[in-house]
């Protein structure tokens, strides 16, 4: 791939992430407004015996889930490029100890940013009629899963360092 192609790919990927995030925000705002009006229509779909509000809530939740999946997928595709950029920026940090600290700091920054995002989004999602409870529950479960993965990664880092230290001490004692 040429350098020009990589730049265009990066710009297009970032544009796709921002546009999908904007569409997701508009969809959430739209559902917040429209659901209060649809709630007043007490209509039950006869064949499947489901209220109209439930059917629309399920459809909106599915669309929101698909949009979140696509946003995360695009972000995951860009992570290697961002890590290369960070490696270029921080290329003076070469020792194993410093990269371990850098990795731990990344995990802590991810936890802090996730907490800030939760604090901002939970009240907004809870206010959406009918699907707000589901969205806030899904968001808290997603945050719990990410937190578990981050603590698992931190535990793995600490375990590997302790194991390497123990091997080093055992070699010195021999």
N, C-alpha and C. Protein backbone atom coordinates (compact mmCIF):
# COMPACT_ATOMS: atom_id res chain seq x y z
N UNK A 1 0.84 -1.18 0.00
CA UNK A 1 0.00 0.00 0.00
C UNK A 1 0.88 1.24 0.00
N UNK A 2 0.48 2.17 -0.78
CA UNK A 2 1.22 3.42 -0.82
C UNK A 2 0.84 4.29 0.36
N UNK A 3 1.69 5.27 0.58
CA UNK A 3 1.45 6.18 1.70
C UNK A 3 0.18 6.98 1.49
N UNK A 4 -0.07 7.36 0.24
CA UNK A 4 -1.27 8.12 -0.08
C UNK A 4 -2.54 7.30 0.18
N UNK A 5 -2.51 6.03 -0.17
CA UNK A 5 -3.64 5.13 0.06
C UNK A 5 -3.90 4.97 1.55
N UNK A 6 -2.84 4.85 2.34
CA UNK A 6 -2.99 4.71 3.79
C UNK A 6 -3.63 5.94 4.40
N UNK A 7 -3.25 7.12 3.92
CA UNK A 7 -3.85 8.35 4.43
C UNK A 7 -5.33 8.41 4.09
N UNK A 8 -5.66 8.06 2.87
CA UNK A 8 -7.07 8.08 2.45
C UNK A 8 -7.88 7.06 3.26
N UNK A 9 -7.30 5.88 3.47
CA UNK A 9 -7.98 4.84 4.25
C UNK A 9 -8.21 5.31 5.69
N UNK A 10 -7.22 5.95 6.28
CA UNK A 10 -7.34 6.44 7.64
C UNK A 10 -8.41 7.53 7.73
N UNK A 11 -8.40 8.45 6.77
CA UNK A 11 -9.40 9.52 6.77
C UNK A 11 -10.81 8.95 6.59
N UNK A 12 -10.95 7.99 5.70
CA UNK A 12 -12.27 7.39 5.46
C UNK A 12 -12.75 6.62 6.69
N UNK A 13 -11.84 5.93 7.34
CA UNK A 13 -12.22 5.18 8.54
C UNK A 13 -12.65 6.12 9.65
N UNK A 14 -11.90 7.19 9.86
CA UNK A 14 -12.27 8.16 10.89
C UNK A 14 -13.60 8.83 10.55
N UNK A 15 -13.79 9.16 9.28
CA UNK A 15 -15.05 9.76 8.85
C UNK A 15 -16.22 8.79 9.09
N UNK A 16 -16.01 7.50 8.80
CA UNK A 16 -17.04 6.50 9.03
C UNK A 16 -17.37 6.38 10.51
N UNK A 17 -16.36 6.41 11.38
CA UNK A 17 -16.59 6.32 12.82
C UNK A 17 -17.39 7.52 13.30
N UNK A 18 -16.98 8.72 12.89
CA UNK A 18 -17.68 9.92 13.34
C UNK A 18 -19.09 9.99 12.77
N UNK A 19 -19.28 9.60 11.52
CA UNK A 19 -20.63 9.65 10.95
C UNK A 19 -21.55 8.64 11.61
N UNK A 20 -21.04 7.44 11.87
CA UNK A 20 -21.88 6.45 12.55
C UNK A 20 -22.18 6.86 13.98
N UNK A 21 -21.23 7.49 14.64
CA UNK A 21 -21.48 7.99 16.00
C UNK A 21 -22.55 9.07 15.98
N UNK A 22 -22.49 9.94 14.98
CA UNK A 22 -23.49 11.00 14.84
C UNK A 22 -24.86 10.41 14.55
N UNK A 23 -24.92 9.43 13.68
CA UNK A 23 -26.18 8.76 13.37
C UNK A 23 -26.73 8.06 14.62
N UNK A 24 -25.85 7.44 15.40
CA UNK A 24 -26.28 6.80 16.63
C UNK A 24 -26.86 7.82 17.61
N UNK A 25 -26.21 8.96 17.74
CA UNK A 25 -26.71 10.01 18.60
C UNK A 25 -28.08 10.51 18.13
N UNK A 26 -28.22 10.71 16.82
CA UNK A 26 -29.51 11.14 16.28
C UNK A 26 -30.59 10.09 16.49
N UNK A 27 -30.23 8.83 16.34
CA UNK A 27 -31.19 7.75 16.55
C UNK A 27 -31.66 7.72 18.00
N UNK A 28 -30.73 7.90 18.92
CA UNK A 28 -31.11 7.91 20.34
C UNK A 28 -32.01 9.10 20.64
N UNK A 29 -31.65 10.27 20.12
CA UNK A 29 -32.50 11.44 20.33
C UNK A 29 -33.87 11.26 19.67
N UNK A 30 -33.89 10.70 18.48
CA UNK A 30 -35.15 10.44 17.77
C UNK A 30 -36.02 9.48 18.57
N UNK A 31 -35.40 8.43 19.09
CA UNK A 31 -36.18 7.46 19.86
C UNK A 31 -36.70 8.08 21.15
N UNK A 32 -35.93 8.97 21.74
CA UNK A 32 -36.38 9.65 22.95
C UNK A 32 -37.63 10.48 22.66
N UNK A 33 -37.64 11.16 21.54
CA UNK A 33 -38.78 12.02 21.21
C UNK A 33 -39.96 11.19 20.72
N UNK A 34 -39.72 10.28 19.80
CA UNK A 34 -40.81 9.57 19.14
C UNK A 34 -41.48 8.54 20.06
N UNK A 35 -40.71 7.95 20.97
CA UNK A 35 -41.28 6.91 21.82
C UNK A 35 -42.36 7.47 22.76
N UNK A 36 -42.23 8.71 23.19
CA UNK A 36 -43.26 9.28 24.05
C UNK A 36 -44.58 9.45 23.30
N UNK A 37 -44.51 9.71 21.99
CA UNK A 37 -45.73 9.83 21.20
C UNK A 37 -46.32 8.46 20.86
N UNK A 38 -45.47 7.52 20.56
CA UNK A 38 -45.96 6.17 20.22
C UNK A 38 -46.54 5.49 21.46
N UNK A 39 -46.04 5.86 22.62
CA UNK A 39 -46.55 5.30 23.87
C UNK A 39 -48.04 5.59 24.05
N UNK A 40 -48.47 6.73 23.55
CA UNK A 40 -49.87 7.12 23.70
C UNK A 40 -50.80 6.32 22.79
N UNK A 41 -50.25 5.73 21.75
CA UNK A 41 -51.05 4.89 20.85
C UNK A 41 -51.07 3.49 21.45
N UNK A 42 -52.20 3.10 21.93
CA UNK A 42 -52.33 1.79 22.57
C UNK A 42 -52.81 0.78 21.54
N UNK A 43 -51.88 0.35 20.69
CA UNK A 43 -52.22 -0.54 19.59
C UNK A 43 -51.48 -1.85 19.76
N UNK A 44 -52.21 -2.95 19.60
CA UNK A 44 -51.61 -4.28 19.69
C UNK A 44 -51.67 -4.91 18.30
N UNK A 45 -50.53 -5.38 17.84
CA UNK A 45 -50.46 -6.03 16.52
C UNK A 45 -51.20 -7.37 16.65
N UNK A 46 -52.24 -7.62 15.86
CA UNK A 46 -53.11 -8.78 16.09
C UNK A 46 -52.46 -10.14 15.86
N UNK A 47 -51.65 -10.30 14.86
CA UNK A 47 -51.13 -11.63 14.54
C UNK A 47 -50.14 -12.11 15.59
N UNK A 48 -49.28 -11.23 16.03
CA UNK A 48 -48.23 -11.65 16.98
C UNK A 48 -48.53 -11.23 18.42
N UNK A 49 -49.62 -10.53 18.66
CA UNK A 49 -50.06 -10.11 19.99
C UNK A 49 -48.98 -9.35 20.76
N UNK A 50 -48.33 -8.45 20.09
CA UNK A 50 -47.31 -7.61 20.72
C UNK A 50 -47.75 -6.16 20.57
N UNK A 51 -47.64 -5.39 21.65
CA UNK A 51 -47.97 -3.96 21.52
C UNK A 51 -47.01 -3.28 20.54
N UNK A 52 -47.52 -2.28 19.86
CA UNK A 52 -46.73 -1.55 18.87
C UNK A 52 -45.49 -0.94 19.51
N UNK A 53 -45.63 -0.41 20.70
CA UNK A 53 -44.50 0.22 21.38
C UNK A 53 -43.38 -0.78 21.64
N UNK A 54 -43.73 -2.01 21.99
CA UNK A 54 -42.71 -3.04 22.23
C UNK A 54 -41.99 -3.41 20.94
N UNK A 55 -42.75 -3.54 19.87
CA UNK A 55 -42.15 -3.89 18.58
C UNK A 55 -41.19 -2.80 18.10
N UNK A 56 -41.60 -1.56 18.22
CA UNK A 56 -40.73 -0.45 17.81
C UNK A 56 -39.52 -0.36 18.73
N UNK A 57 -39.71 -0.61 20.02
CA UNK A 57 -38.58 -0.59 20.95
C UNK A 57 -37.55 -1.65 20.59
N UNK A 58 -38.02 -2.83 20.24
CA UNK A 58 -37.11 -3.92 19.86
C UNK A 58 -36.36 -3.55 18.59
N UNK A 59 -37.06 -2.97 17.63
CA UNK A 59 -36.40 -2.58 16.37
C UNK A 59 -35.35 -1.50 16.61
N UNK A 60 -35.68 -0.51 17.43
CA UNK A 60 -34.72 0.57 17.72
C UNK A 60 -33.52 0.02 18.47
N UNK A 61 -33.76 -0.87 19.43
CA UNK A 61 -32.64 -1.49 20.16
C UNK A 61 -31.74 -2.28 19.22
N UNK A 62 -32.34 -2.99 18.28
CA UNK A 62 -31.54 -3.76 17.31
C UNK A 62 -30.71 -2.83 16.45
N UNK A 63 -31.30 -1.75 15.98
CA UNK A 63 -30.55 -0.80 15.14
C UNK A 63 -29.44 -0.15 15.94
N UNK A 64 -29.71 0.23 17.19
CA UNK A 64 -28.68 0.83 18.05
C UNK A 64 -27.56 -0.18 18.29
N UNK A 65 -27.91 -1.43 18.53
CA UNK A 65 -26.90 -2.46 18.74
C UNK A 65 -26.02 -2.65 17.51
N UNK A 66 -26.64 -2.67 16.34
CA UNK A 66 -25.87 -2.81 15.09
C UNK A 66 -24.95 -1.61 14.88
N UNK A 67 -25.44 -0.41 15.16
CA UNK A 67 -24.61 0.78 15.00
C UNK A 67 -23.42 0.77 15.97
N UNK A 68 -23.67 0.37 17.21
CA UNK A 68 -22.57 0.30 18.19
C UNK A 68 -21.56 -0.75 17.76
N UNK A 69 -22.04 -1.89 17.27
CA UNK A 69 -21.13 -2.92 16.79
C UNK A 69 -20.26 -2.40 15.65
N UNK A 70 -20.87 -1.72 14.70
CA UNK A 70 -20.10 -1.20 13.56
C UNK A 70 -19.09 -0.14 13.99
N UNK A 71 -19.46 0.70 14.95
CA UNK A 71 -18.52 1.71 15.44
C UNK A 71 -17.34 1.03 16.12
N UNK A 72 -17.61 0.06 17.00
CA UNK A 72 -16.52 -0.65 17.67
C UNK A 72 -15.66 -1.43 16.68
N UNK A 73 -16.28 -2.00 15.67
CA UNK A 73 -15.52 -2.74 14.67
C UNK A 73 -14.57 -1.81 13.92
N UNK A 74 -15.05 -0.64 13.53
CA UNK A 74 -14.18 0.33 12.85
C UNK A 74 -13.06 0.81 13.76
N UNK A 75 -13.38 1.00 15.03
CA UNK A 75 -12.34 1.42 15.98
C UNK A 75 -11.30 0.33 16.13
N UNK A 76 -11.74 -0.92 16.22
CA UNK A 76 -10.80 -2.03 16.35
C UNK A 76 -9.91 -2.17 15.11
N UNK A 77 -10.45 -1.85 13.93
CA UNK A 77 -9.63 -1.90 12.72
C UNK A 77 -8.55 -0.82 12.73
N UNK A 78 -8.82 0.29 13.42
CA UNK A 78 -7.85 1.37 13.45
C UNK A 78 -6.85 1.26 14.59
N UNK A 79 -7.10 0.40 15.56
CA UNK A 79 -6.20 0.31 16.71
C UNK A 79 -4.75 -0.02 16.33
N UNK A 80 -4.49 -0.94 15.39
CA UNK A 80 -3.08 -1.16 15.04
C UNK A 80 -2.41 0.09 14.46
N UNK A 81 -3.14 0.86 13.69
CA UNK A 81 -2.58 2.09 13.12
C UNK A 81 -2.29 3.10 14.22
N UNK A 82 -3.22 3.23 15.20
CA UNK A 82 -2.97 4.16 16.29
C UNK A 82 -1.82 3.69 17.17
N UNK A 83 -1.70 2.38 17.36
CA UNK A 83 -0.58 1.90 18.18
C UNK A 83 0.74 2.12 17.46
N UNK A 84 0.75 2.03 16.11
CA UNK A 84 1.97 2.36 15.37
C UNK A 84 2.31 3.84 15.52
N UNK A 85 1.28 4.68 15.48
CA UNK A 85 1.50 6.12 15.66
C UNK A 85 2.04 6.39 17.05
N UNK A 86 1.45 5.74 18.07
CA UNK A 86 1.94 5.93 19.44
C UNK A 86 3.36 5.40 19.60
N UNK A 87 3.68 4.30 18.93
CA UNK A 87 5.05 3.78 19.00
C UNK A 87 6.03 4.75 18.36
N UNK A 88 5.63 5.41 17.28
CA UNK A 88 6.50 6.40 16.66
C UNK A 88 6.69 7.59 17.60
N UNK A 89 5.58 8.02 18.23
CA UNK A 89 5.67 9.16 19.14
C UNK A 89 6.53 8.82 20.35
N UNK A 90 6.33 7.63 20.90
CA UNK A 90 7.05 7.23 22.12
C UNK A 90 8.17 6.25 21.82
N UNK A 91 8.86 6.40 20.69
CA UNK A 91 9.85 5.40 20.33
C UNK A 91 11.09 5.44 21.23
N UNK A 92 11.23 6.48 22.04
CA UNK A 92 12.35 6.53 22.97
C UNK A 92 12.14 5.56 24.14
N UNK A 93 10.91 5.15 24.36
CA UNK A 93 10.62 4.21 25.44
C UNK A 93 10.83 2.81 24.90
N UNK A 94 11.95 2.21 25.22
CA UNK A 94 12.28 0.90 24.66
C UNK A 94 12.39 -0.20 25.70
N UNK A 95 12.67 0.15 26.92
CA UNK A 95 12.92 -0.90 27.90
C UNK A 95 11.63 -1.61 28.28
N UNK A 96 11.76 -2.83 28.73
CA UNK A 96 10.61 -3.66 29.08
C UNK A 96 9.82 -3.05 30.23
N UNK A 97 10.52 -2.49 31.18
CA UNK A 97 9.86 -1.90 32.34
C UNK A 97 8.99 -0.73 31.93
N UNK A 98 9.51 0.11 31.04
CA UNK A 98 8.75 1.29 30.63
C UNK A 98 7.55 0.91 29.76
N UNK A 99 7.69 -0.11 28.92
CA UNK A 99 6.53 -0.52 28.12
C UNK A 99 5.46 -1.14 29.00
N UNK A 100 5.87 -1.82 30.07
CA UNK A 100 4.90 -2.37 31.01
C UNK A 100 4.15 -1.25 31.71
N UNK A 101 4.86 -0.23 32.13
CA UNK A 101 4.21 0.91 32.76
C UNK A 101 3.28 1.60 31.77
N UNK A 102 3.73 1.71 30.51
CA UNK A 102 2.89 2.33 29.48
C UNK A 102 1.61 1.53 29.29
N UNK A 103 1.72 0.22 29.28
CA UNK A 103 0.54 -0.63 29.11
C UNK A 103 -0.41 -0.52 30.30
N UNK A 104 0.15 -0.47 31.50
CA UNK A 104 -0.68 -0.29 32.69
C UNK A 104 -1.37 1.06 32.65
N UNK A 105 -0.65 2.09 32.23
CA UNK A 105 -1.25 3.42 32.13
C UNK A 105 -2.36 3.45 31.08
N UNK A 106 -2.18 2.75 29.97
CA UNK A 106 -3.25 2.66 28.97
C UNK A 106 -4.50 2.03 29.58
N UNK A 107 -4.31 0.96 30.33
CA UNK A 107 -5.46 0.30 30.96
C UNK A 107 -6.16 1.22 31.95
N UNK A 108 -5.38 1.96 32.72
CA UNK A 108 -5.98 2.88 33.70
C UNK A 108 -6.70 4.01 32.98
N UNK A 109 -6.12 4.52 31.90
CA UNK A 109 -6.78 5.59 31.13
C UNK A 109 -8.09 5.08 30.52
N UNK A 110 -8.08 3.85 30.04
CA UNK A 110 -9.31 3.27 29.48
C UNK A 110 -10.38 3.15 30.58
N UNK A 111 -9.98 2.71 31.78
CA UNK A 111 -10.94 2.61 32.89
C UNK A 111 -11.51 3.97 33.25
N UNK A 112 -10.65 4.98 33.37
CA UNK A 112 -11.12 6.32 33.73
C UNK A 112 -12.04 6.88 32.66
N UNK A 113 -11.66 6.74 31.39
CA UNK A 113 -12.52 7.26 30.33
C UNK A 113 -13.85 6.51 30.28
N UNK A 114 -13.83 5.21 30.55
CA UNK A 114 -15.06 4.44 30.56
C UNK A 114 -15.98 4.91 31.69
N UNK A 115 -15.42 5.21 32.84
CA UNK A 115 -16.23 5.70 33.97
C UNK A 115 -16.84 7.05 33.61
N UNK A 116 -16.06 7.93 32.99
CA UNK A 116 -16.58 9.24 32.59
C UNK A 116 -17.71 9.07 31.57
N UNK A 117 -17.52 8.20 30.61
CA UNK A 117 -18.56 7.96 29.60
C UNK A 117 -19.82 7.41 30.25
N UNK A 118 -19.64 6.49 31.21
CA UNK A 118 -20.81 5.94 31.92
C UNK A 118 -21.55 7.02 32.69
N UNK A 119 -20.81 7.88 33.36
CA UNK A 119 -21.43 8.95 34.14
C UNK A 119 -22.23 9.88 33.23
N UNK A 120 -21.73 10.11 32.03
CA UNK A 120 -22.42 11.00 31.09
C UNK A 120 -23.61 10.30 30.43
N UNK A 121 -23.44 9.05 30.00
CA UNK A 121 -24.47 8.40 29.18
C UNK A 121 -25.60 7.74 29.98
N UNK A 122 -25.31 7.24 31.18
CA UNK A 122 -26.34 6.51 31.93
C UNK A 122 -27.60 7.35 32.17
N UNK A 123 -27.50 8.59 32.65
CA UNK A 123 -28.74 9.37 32.83
C UNK A 123 -29.45 9.67 31.51
N UNK A 124 -28.68 9.87 30.44
CA UNK A 124 -29.30 10.16 29.15
C UNK A 124 -30.06 8.94 28.63
N UNK A 125 -29.45 7.77 28.73
CA UNK A 125 -30.10 6.56 28.26
C UNK A 125 -31.31 6.21 29.12
N UNK A 126 -31.24 6.46 30.41
CA UNK A 126 -32.34 6.10 31.31
C UNK A 126 -33.60 6.91 31.01
N UNK A 127 -33.45 8.09 30.42
CA UNK A 127 -34.60 8.95 30.15
C UNK A 127 -35.37 8.56 28.89
N UNK A 128 -34.81 7.70 28.06
CA UNK A 128 -35.51 7.30 26.84
C UNK A 128 -36.65 6.36 27.23
N UNK A 129 -37.87 6.68 26.83
CA UNK A 129 -39.01 5.84 27.23
C UNK A 129 -38.89 4.42 26.68
N UNK A 130 -39.24 3.47 27.49
CA UNK A 130 -39.31 2.04 27.20
C UNK A 130 -37.96 1.39 26.95
N UNK A 131 -37.13 1.95 26.11
CA UNK A 131 -35.85 1.28 25.83
C UNK A 131 -34.72 1.84 26.67
N UNK A 132 -34.97 2.90 27.41
CA UNK A 132 -33.92 3.51 28.22
C UNK A 132 -33.36 2.57 29.27
N UNK A 133 -34.24 1.82 29.90
CA UNK A 133 -33.80 0.87 30.93
C UNK A 133 -32.92 -0.20 30.29
N UNK A 134 -33.32 -0.68 29.12
CA UNK A 134 -32.54 -1.70 28.44
C UNK A 134 -31.18 -1.16 27.99
N UNK A 135 -31.18 0.07 27.46
CA UNK A 135 -29.93 0.67 27.02
C UNK A 135 -28.97 0.90 28.18
N UNK A 136 -29.49 1.43 29.28
CA UNK A 136 -28.62 1.69 30.43
C UNK A 136 -28.13 0.38 31.04
N UNK A 137 -28.97 -0.65 31.05
CA UNK A 137 -28.53 -1.96 31.54
C UNK A 137 -27.46 -2.55 30.62
N UNK A 138 -27.69 -2.45 29.32
CA UNK A 138 -26.70 -2.97 28.36
C UNK A 138 -25.39 -2.21 28.47
N UNK A 139 -25.48 -0.91 28.67
CA UNK A 139 -24.27 -0.10 28.81
C UNK A 139 -23.51 -0.47 30.08
N UNK A 140 -24.22 -0.68 31.17
CA UNK A 140 -23.53 -1.07 32.41
C UNK A 140 -22.95 -2.47 32.31
N UNK A 141 -23.63 -3.39 31.62
CA UNK A 141 -23.07 -4.73 31.42
C UNK A 141 -21.84 -4.70 30.51
N UNK A 142 -21.89 -3.87 29.48
CA UNK A 142 -20.73 -3.70 28.61
C UNK A 142 -19.55 -3.13 29.38
N UNK A 143 -19.83 -2.14 30.23
CA UNK A 143 -18.77 -1.56 31.05
C UNK A 143 -18.21 -2.59 32.03
N UNK A 144 -19.07 -3.43 32.58
CA UNK A 144 -18.61 -4.49 33.47
C UNK A 144 -17.70 -5.47 32.74
N UNK A 145 -18.09 -5.85 31.53
CA UNK A 145 -17.27 -6.77 30.74
C UNK A 145 -15.91 -6.16 30.41
N UNK A 146 -15.91 -4.89 30.01
CA UNK A 146 -14.65 -4.21 29.70
C UNK A 146 -13.78 -4.10 30.95
N UNK A 147 -14.40 -3.79 32.09
CA UNK A 147 -13.65 -3.68 33.34
C UNK A 147 -13.03 -5.02 33.71
N UNK A 148 -13.78 -6.09 33.56
CA UNK A 148 -13.23 -7.42 33.86
C UNK A 148 -12.05 -7.73 32.94
N UNK A 149 -12.19 -7.42 31.66
CA UNK A 149 -11.09 -7.66 30.72
C UNK A 149 -9.86 -6.82 31.06
N UNK A 150 -10.07 -5.58 31.47
CA UNK A 150 -8.94 -4.72 31.81
C UNK A 150 -8.25 -5.22 33.07
N UNK A 151 -9.03 -5.61 34.09
CA UNK A 151 -8.40 -6.13 35.30
C UNK A 151 -7.72 -7.47 35.03
N UNK A 152 -8.27 -8.26 34.13
CA UNK A 152 -7.60 -9.50 33.75
C UNK A 152 -6.27 -9.20 33.08
N UNK A 153 -6.25 -8.20 32.20
CA UNK A 153 -5.02 -7.79 31.54
C UNK A 153 -4.00 -7.26 32.56
N UNK A 154 -4.47 -6.45 33.49
CA UNK A 154 -3.57 -5.94 34.54
C UNK A 154 -3.02 -7.09 35.38
N UNK A 155 -3.87 -8.04 35.72
CA UNK A 155 -3.42 -9.20 36.48
C UNK A 155 -2.41 -10.02 35.71
N UNK A 156 -2.63 -10.17 34.41
CA UNK A 156 -1.69 -10.91 33.56
C UNK A 156 -0.34 -10.20 33.51
N UNK A 157 -0.36 -8.87 33.42
CA UNK A 157 0.89 -8.10 33.40
C UNK A 157 1.65 -8.30 34.70
N UNK A 158 0.95 -8.16 35.82
CA UNK A 158 1.60 -8.32 37.13
C UNK A 158 2.12 -9.74 37.30
N UNK A 159 1.32 -10.73 36.91
CA UNK A 159 1.76 -12.12 37.03
C UNK A 159 3.00 -12.39 36.20
N UNK A 160 3.02 -11.91 34.96
CA UNK A 160 4.18 -12.12 34.10
C UNK A 160 5.42 -11.45 34.67
N UNK A 161 5.28 -10.28 35.24
CA UNK A 161 6.43 -9.59 35.82
C UNK A 161 6.93 -10.32 37.07
N UNK A 162 6.02 -10.80 37.90
CA UNK A 162 6.43 -11.54 39.09
C UNK A 162 7.09 -12.85 38.69
N UNK A 163 6.55 -13.52 37.67
CA UNK A 163 7.15 -14.76 37.20
C UNK A 163 8.55 -14.53 36.62
N UNK A 164 8.71 -13.44 35.87
CA UNK A 164 10.03 -13.11 35.31
C UNK A 164 11.01 -12.77 36.43
N UNK A 165 10.54 -12.08 37.45
CA UNK A 165 11.40 -11.75 38.59
C UNK A 165 11.80 -13.01 39.34
N UNK A 166 10.86 -13.93 39.52
CA UNK A 166 11.16 -15.18 40.22
C UNK A 166 12.17 -16.01 39.42
N UNK A 167 12.03 -16.07 38.11
CA UNK A 167 13.00 -16.79 37.28
C UNK A 167 14.37 -16.15 37.35
N UNK A 168 14.40 -14.82 37.37
CA UNK A 168 15.67 -14.11 37.46
C UNK A 168 16.35 -14.39 38.80
N UNK A 169 15.59 -14.39 39.87
CA UNK A 169 16.15 -14.68 41.20
C UNK A 169 16.62 -16.11 41.26
N UNK A 170 15.85 -17.05 40.67
CA UNK A 170 16.26 -18.46 40.69
C UNK A 170 17.56 -18.66 39.90
N UNK A 171 17.71 -17.96 38.77
CA UNK A 171 18.95 -18.06 38.01
C UNK A 171 20.14 -17.52 38.79
N UNK A 172 19.94 -16.43 39.50
CA UNK A 172 21.02 -15.83 40.29
C UNK A 172 21.42 -16.72 41.45
N UNK A 173 20.43 -17.42 42.03
CA UNK A 173 20.73 -18.29 43.17
C UNK A 173 21.47 -19.54 42.73
N UNK A 174 21.29 -19.98 41.49
CA UNK A 174 21.98 -21.17 40.98
C UNK A 174 23.45 -20.84 40.85
